[in-house]
């Protein structure tokens, strides 16, 4: 009989403990959910902040040229090879260092003119070079380089009379320029690509400085 009473009391006590913790469980669950949401929001805000902070800032006198091609990881070696040649040519032709080339990180590649304008405004750079770099085969011959290439410069608003002259100058600067390396003479033509990119980039920087704000 004594054992039965102990069992009843024990069961009763357990029941009371479970009942007493029903409401706190709901409270703690809600609290955990709120804390998780706050942490997630903070993580998103920090991620956005880091994303935008990854863009460098430049002073007007630095005349920065941003290199921001779009490419697959398979072409990373080719991309860096083109950029290294570009930097070498800029340093050779600009010994005083008045022009600063910068390779934007892969998460900051530029795909269109709208993105290019936003990056120029937020960084203060003079020029951004972007496009699609890829490797492939054309008519049975291996080719690699820029499938498309664009140069976007920061300048003041042009008068309608100036626009035609600037458009003609740009057309002349880009005419007959090769930005693709052919497999047969890759070493020679790689120099041609970097030389062409450097000459066009310097032309656009000069044009931007001529029509700066």
Protein backbone atom coordinates (compact mmCIF):
# COMPACT_ATOMS: atom_id res chain seq x y z
CA UNK A 1 0.00 0.00 0.00
CA UNK A 2 2.82 2.36 0.78
CA UNK A 3 4.47 1.58 -2.54
CA UNK A 4 1.23 2.41 -4.40
CA UNK A 5 1.00 5.79 -2.69
CA UNK A 6 4.57 6.60 -3.62
CA UNK A 7 3.88 5.68 -7.25
CA UNK A 8 0.75 7.84 -7.31
CA UNK A 9 2.59 10.80 -5.85
CA UNK A 10 5.46 10.33 -8.25
CA UNK A 11 3.12 10.21 -11.24
CA UNK A 12 1.20 13.20 -9.95
CA UNK A 13 4.38 15.22 -9.50
CA UNK A 14 5.57 14.38 -12.99
CA UNK A 15 2.23 15.41 -14.42
CA UNK A 16 2.36 18.75 -12.62
CA UNK A 17 5.89 19.42 -13.85
CA UNK A 18 4.90 18.74 -17.47
CA UNK A 19 1.83 20.91 -17.21
CA UNK A 20 3.83 23.72 -15.67
CA UNK A 21 6.29 23.74 -18.57
CA UNK A 22 3.77 23.84 -21.40
CA UNK A 23 3.49 27.64 -21.53
CA UNK A 24 7.22 28.37 -20.99
CA UNK A 25 8.03 26.01 -23.90
CA UNK A 26 5.90 28.13 -26.23
CA UNK A 27 7.52 31.29 -24.90
CA UNK A 28 11.07 29.99 -25.36
CA UNK A 29 10.24 28.74 -28.86
CA UNK A 30 8.97 32.19 -29.85
CA UNK A 31 12.00 33.83 -28.25
CA UNK A 32 14.39 31.58 -30.16
CA UNK A 33 12.57 32.37 -33.41
CA UNK A 34 12.85 36.13 -32.79
CA UNK A 35 16.55 35.87 -31.95
CA UNK A 36 17.15 33.78 -35.09
CA UNK A 37 15.38 36.39 -37.25
CA UNK A 38 17.46 39.20 -35.71
CA UNK A 39 20.69 37.29 -36.31
CA UNK A 40 19.68 36.54 -39.90
CA UNK A 41 18.83 40.20 -40.55
CA UNK A 42 22.16 41.30 -39.08
CA UNK A 43 23.99 38.77 -41.24
CA UNK A 44 22.22 40.10 -44.35
CA UNK A 45 23.07 43.72 -43.44
CA UNK A 46 26.72 42.82 -42.80
CA UNK A 47 26.84 40.93 -46.11
CA UNK A 48 25.45 43.92 -48.02
CA UNK A 49 27.90 46.24 -46.25
CA UNK A 50 30.87 44.00 -47.09
CA UNK A 51 29.60 43.67 -50.68
CA UNK A 52 29.59 47.41 -51.24
CA UNK A 53 32.80 47.95 -49.27
CA UNK A 54 34.52 45.55 -51.67
CA UNK A 55 34.42 48.35 -54.25
CA UNK A 56 37.51 50.59 -54.00
CA UNK A 57 37.27 54.37 -53.82
CA UNK A 58 39.42 56.71 -55.90
CA UNK A 59 40.32 60.37 -55.93
CA UNK A 60 39.91 62.27 -59.23
CA UNK A 61 43.69 62.64 -59.70
CA UNK A 62 44.22 58.85 -59.59
CA UNK A 63 42.59 58.27 -63.02
CA UNK A 64 41.68 54.69 -62.16
CA UNK A 65 40.92 52.12 -64.85
CA UNK A 66 38.78 49.24 -63.60
CA UNK A 67 39.12 45.82 -65.22
CA UNK A 68 35.90 43.87 -64.64
CA UNK A 69 35.39 41.10 -67.21
CA UNK A 70 32.78 38.38 -66.94
CA UNK A 71 34.22 34.86 -67.23
CA UNK A 72 33.98 31.24 -66.14
CA UNK A 73 36.46 29.84 -63.64
CA UNK A 74 37.93 27.70 -66.43
CA UNK A 75 39.17 30.90 -68.06
CA UNK A 76 40.69 32.44 -64.91
CA UNK A 77 44.27 31.84 -66.07
CA UNK A 78 43.55 33.52 -69.39
CA UNK A 79 41.87 36.48 -67.69
CA UNK A 80 44.81 37.09 -65.35
CA UNK A 81 47.24 36.74 -68.23
CA UNK A 82 45.41 39.45 -70.17
CA UNK A 83 45.27 41.69 -67.11
CA UNK A 84 48.98 41.25 -66.34
CA UNK A 85 49.83 42.22 -69.90
CA UNK A 86 47.51 45.20 -69.61
CA UNK A 87 49.19 46.38 -66.38
CA UNK A 88 52.65 45.94 -67.91
CA UNK A 89 51.73 48.04 -70.94
CA UNK A 90 50.17 50.75 -68.79
CA UNK A 91 53.27 50.96 -66.59
CA UNK A 92 55.54 51.05 -69.64
CA UNK A 93 53.59 53.89 -71.24
CA UNK A 94 52.76 55.66 -67.99
CA UNK A 95 56.02 55.70 -65.98
CA UNK A 96 54.83 58.43 -63.63
CA UNK A 97 51.96 56.29 -62.42
CA UNK A 98 49.26 58.86 -63.14
CA UNK A 99 46.91 56.06 -64.24
CA UNK A 100 45.98 53.29 -61.83
CA UNK A 101 44.69 49.91 -63.08
CA UNK A 102 42.54 47.87 -60.69
CA UNK A 103 41.18 44.34 -61.13
CA UNK A 104 37.75 44.15 -59.52
CA UNK A 105 36.97 40.93 -57.59
CA UNK A 106 34.92 38.24 -59.34
CA UNK A 107 31.79 39.16 -57.37
CA UNK A 108 31.98 42.66 -58.84
CA UNK A 109 32.14 41.84 -62.54
CA UNK A 110 30.19 44.18 -64.82
CA UNK A 111 27.80 42.83 -67.44
CA UNK A 112 26.18 45.91 -69.00
CA UNK A 113 26.44 49.68 -69.36
CA UNK A 114 23.98 50.34 -66.53
CA UNK A 115 26.14 48.41 -64.06
CA UNK A 116 29.23 50.12 -65.45
CA UNK A 117 27.81 53.59 -64.82
CA UNK A 118 26.85 52.67 -61.25
CA UNK A 119 30.34 51.35 -60.52
CA UNK A 120 32.00 54.45 -61.99
CA UNK A 121 29.82 56.74 -59.89
CA UNK A 122 30.37 54.79 -56.67
CA UNK A 123 34.15 54.38 -57.09
CA UNK A 124 35.20 57.63 -58.76
CA UNK A 125 37.14 55.74 -61.46
CA UNK A 126 37.68 57.28 -64.91
CA UNK A 127 37.13 54.19 -67.01
CA UNK A 128 35.89 50.64 -66.74
CA UNK A 129 36.82 47.86 -69.18
CA UNK A 130 34.47 44.89 -69.20
CA UNK A 131 33.07 42.20 -71.44
CA UNK A 132 32.97 38.42 -71.79
CA UNK A 133 36.25 36.51 -71.85
CA UNK A 134 36.01 32.93 -73.06
CA UNK A 135 37.78 30.11 -74.89
CA UNK A 136 36.36 28.09 -77.75
CA UNK A 137 36.66 26.96 -81.35
CA UNK A 138 35.75 28.96 -84.46
CA UNK A 139 35.85 27.16 -87.81
CA UNK A 140 38.01 24.41 -86.35
CA UNK A 141 40.53 26.86 -84.87
CA UNK A 142 41.01 27.46 -81.16
CA UNK A 143 40.42 31.04 -80.09
CA UNK A 144 40.44 32.80 -76.72
CA UNK A 145 39.96 36.32 -75.51
CA UNK A 146 37.14 38.85 -75.48
CA UNK A 147 33.95 37.63 -77.12
CA UNK A 148 32.68 41.14 -76.40
CA UNK A 149 34.52 44.13 -74.96
CA UNK A 150 33.23 47.49 -73.77
CA UNK A 151 34.85 50.69 -72.50
CA UNK A 152 32.71 52.99 -70.38
CA UNK A 153 34.14 56.32 -69.25
CA UNK A 154 32.94 58.96 -66.81
CA UNK A 155 32.54 62.40 -68.33
CA UNK A 156 30.35 65.47 -68.26
CA UNK A 157 27.17 65.74 -70.31
CA UNK A 158 28.13 66.41 -73.92
CA UNK A 159 26.61 69.10 -76.09
CA UNK A 160 24.83 67.67 -79.18
CA UNK A 161 27.52 69.18 -81.39
CA UNK A 162 30.22 67.43 -79.34
CA UNK A 163 28.52 64.04 -79.42
CA UNK A 164 29.09 63.48 -83.13
CA UNK A 165 32.80 64.37 -82.93
CA UNK A 166 33.30 62.12 -79.89
CA UNK A 167 31.46 59.25 -81.59
CA UNK A 168 33.72 59.58 -84.64
CA UNK A 169 36.84 59.59 -82.46
CA UNK A 170 35.68 56.48 -80.63
CA UNK A 171 34.91 54.72 -83.91
CA UNK A 172 38.39 55.47 -85.19
CA UNK A 173 40.01 54.27 -81.95
CA UNK A 174 38.21 50.93 -82.05
CA UNK A 175 38.44 50.28 -85.79
CA UNK A 176 40.32 47.14 -86.83
CA UNK A 177 41.31 46.30 -83.25
CA UNK A 178 41.69 42.62 -82.37
CA UNK A 179 40.74 41.42 -78.89
CA UNK A 180 40.88 37.67 -79.59
CA UNK A 181 43.91 35.40 -79.41
CA UNK A 182 44.19 32.67 -82.06
CA UNK A 183 45.64 29.31 -81.11
CA UNK A 184 48.37 29.19 -83.78
CA UNK A 185 50.19 32.37 -82.73
CA UNK A 186 48.88 32.80 -79.21
CA UNK A 187 52.07 34.43 -77.85
CA UNK A 188 52.28 37.03 -80.60
CA UNK A 189 48.58 37.76 -80.74
CA UNK A 190 48.30 37.94 -76.96
CA UNK A 191 50.62 40.96 -77.15
CA UNK A 192 48.41 42.41 -79.87
CA UNK A 193 45.33 42.04 -77.65
CA UNK A 194 46.95 43.68 -74.62
CA UNK A 195 48.45 46.44 -76.77
CA UNK A 196 45.09 47.16 -78.37
CA UNK A 197 43.30 47.16 -75.03
CA UNK A 198 45.92 49.48 -73.52
CA UNK A 199 45.84 51.94 -76.43
CA UNK A 200 42.06 52.10 -76.43
CA UNK A 201 41.95 52.46 -72.65
CA UNK A 202 44.45 55.32 -72.72
CA UNK A 203 42.45 56.96 -75.49
CA UNK A 204 39.30 56.80 -73.38
CA UNK A 205 41.08 58.17 -70.31
CA UNK A 206 42.35 61.09 -72.38
CA UNK A 207 38.84 61.61 -73.76
CA UNK A 208 37.36 61.48 -70.26
CA UNK A 209 39.85 64.05 -69.01
CA UNK A 210 39.08 66.30 -72.00
CA UNK A 211 35.37 66.17 -71.17
CA UNK A 212 35.55 65.88 -67.38
CA UNK A 213 33.19 67.73 -65.05
